[in-house]
C-alpha atoms as a PDB file:
ATOM      1  CA  UNK A   1      81.184  66.966 121.201  1.00  0.00           C
ATOM      2  CA  UNK A   2      84.714  66.891 119.807  1.00  0.00           C
ATOM      3  CA  UNK A   3      86.602  70.163 119.834  1.00  0.00           C
ATOM      4  CA  UNK A   4      88.617  71.521 116.928  1.00  0.00           C
ATOM      5  CA  UNK A   5      91.813  71.104 118.932  1.00  0.00           C
ATOM      6  CA  UNK A   6      91.172  67.390 119.371  1.00  0.00           C
ATOM      7  CA  UNK A   7      90.578  66.980 115.643  1.00  0.00           C
ATOM      8  CA  UNK A   8      93.808  68.813 114.802  1.00  0.00           C
ATOM      9  CA  UNK A   9      95.827  66.749 117.291  1.00  0.00           C
ATOM     10  CA  UNK A  10      94.359  63.571 115.765  1.00  0.00           C
ATOM     11  CA  UNK A  11      96.090  64.239 112.422  1.00  0.00           C
ATOM     12  CA  UNK A  12      99.484  65.306 113.799  1.00  0.00           C
ATOM     13  CA  UNK A  13     102.345  62.763 114.004  1.00  0.00           C
ATOM     14  CA  UNK A  14     103.178  61.536 117.507  1.00  0.00           C
ATOM     15  CA  UNK A  15     106.729  62.889 117.309  1.00  0.00           C
ATOM     16  CA  UNK A  16     105.550  66.505 117.319  1.00  0.00           C
ATOM     17  CA  UNK A  17     102.223  66.134 119.132  1.00  0.00           C
ATOM     18  CA  UNK A  18     103.330  67.802 122.385  1.00  0.00           C
ATOM     19  CA  UNK A  19     104.904  70.757 120.600  1.00  0.00           C
ATOM     20  CA  UNK A  20     101.856  71.164 118.378  1.00  0.00           C
ATOM     21  CA  UNK A  21      99.486  71.129 121.341  1.00  0.00           C
ATOM     22  CA  UNK A  22     101.617  73.699 123.164  1.00  0.00           C
ATOM     23  CA  UNK A  23     101.739  76.053 120.175  1.00  0.00           C
ATOM     24  CA  UNK A  24      98.008  75.664 119.570  1.00  0.00           C
ATOM     25  CA  UNK A  25      97.154  76.483 123.182  1.00  0.00           C
ATOM     26  CA  UNK A  26      99.563  79.434 123.231  1.00  0.00           C
ATOM     27  CA  UNK A  27      98.009  80.895 120.083  1.00  0.00           C
ATOM     28  CA  UNK A  28      94.523  80.326 121.518  1.00  0.00           C
ATOM     29  CA  UNK A  29      95.419  82.280 124.655  1.00  0.00           C
ATOM     30  CA  UNK A  30      97.115  85.078 122.705  1.00  0.00           C
ATOM     31  CA  UNK A  31      94.135  85.285 120.355  1.00  0.00           C
ATOM     32  CA  UNK A  32      91.776  85.538 123.308  1.00  0.00           C
ATOM     33  CA  UNK A  33      93.810  88.427 124.685  1.00  0.00           C
ATOM     34  CA  UNK A  34      94.365  90.331 121.438  1.00  0.00           C
ATOM     35  CA  UNK A  35      91.009  89.603 119.755  1.00  0.00           C
ATOM     36  CA  UNK A  36      88.895  91.942 121.901  1.00  0.00           C
ATOM     37  CA  UNK A  37      91.443  94.730 121.463  1.00  0.00           C
ATOM     38  CA  UNK A  38      91.358  94.443 117.681  1.00  0.00           C
ATOM     39  CA  UNK A  39      87.579  94.123 117.512  1.00  0.00           C
ATOM     40  CA  UNK A  40      87.202  97.091 119.883  1.00  0.00           C
ATOM     41  CA  UNK A  41      89.429  99.218 117.650  1.00  0.00           C
ATOM     42  CA  UNK A  42      87.422  98.215 114.580  1.00  0.00           C
ATOM     43  CA  UNK A  43      84.117  98.932 116.322  1.00  0.00           C
ATOM     44  CA  UNK A  44      85.376 102.291 117.556  1.00  0.00           C
ATOM     45  CA  UNK A  45      86.510 103.340 114.090  1.00  0.00           C
ATOM     46  CA  UNK A  46      83.047 102.644 112.653  1.00  0.00           C
ATOM     47  CA  UNK A  47      81.076 103.940 115.640  1.00  0.00           C
ATOM     48  CA  UNK A  48      78.725 106.775 114.771  1.00  0.00           C
ATOM     49  CA  UNK A  49      78.408 109.356 117.556  1.00  0.00           C
ATOM     50  CA  UNK A  50      74.882 109.562 118.906  1.00  0.00           C
END
């Protein structure tokens, strides 16, 4: 199975491929760290006390 990252890298020119891969991986890591915080805040704001 081909990942989305591999498909994106396939269409990027060779001159900027390393920079593009680095930015993509950095954003993936940041998204993995910030995503649960944002989704937790959204869930908490709509949580009905039981």
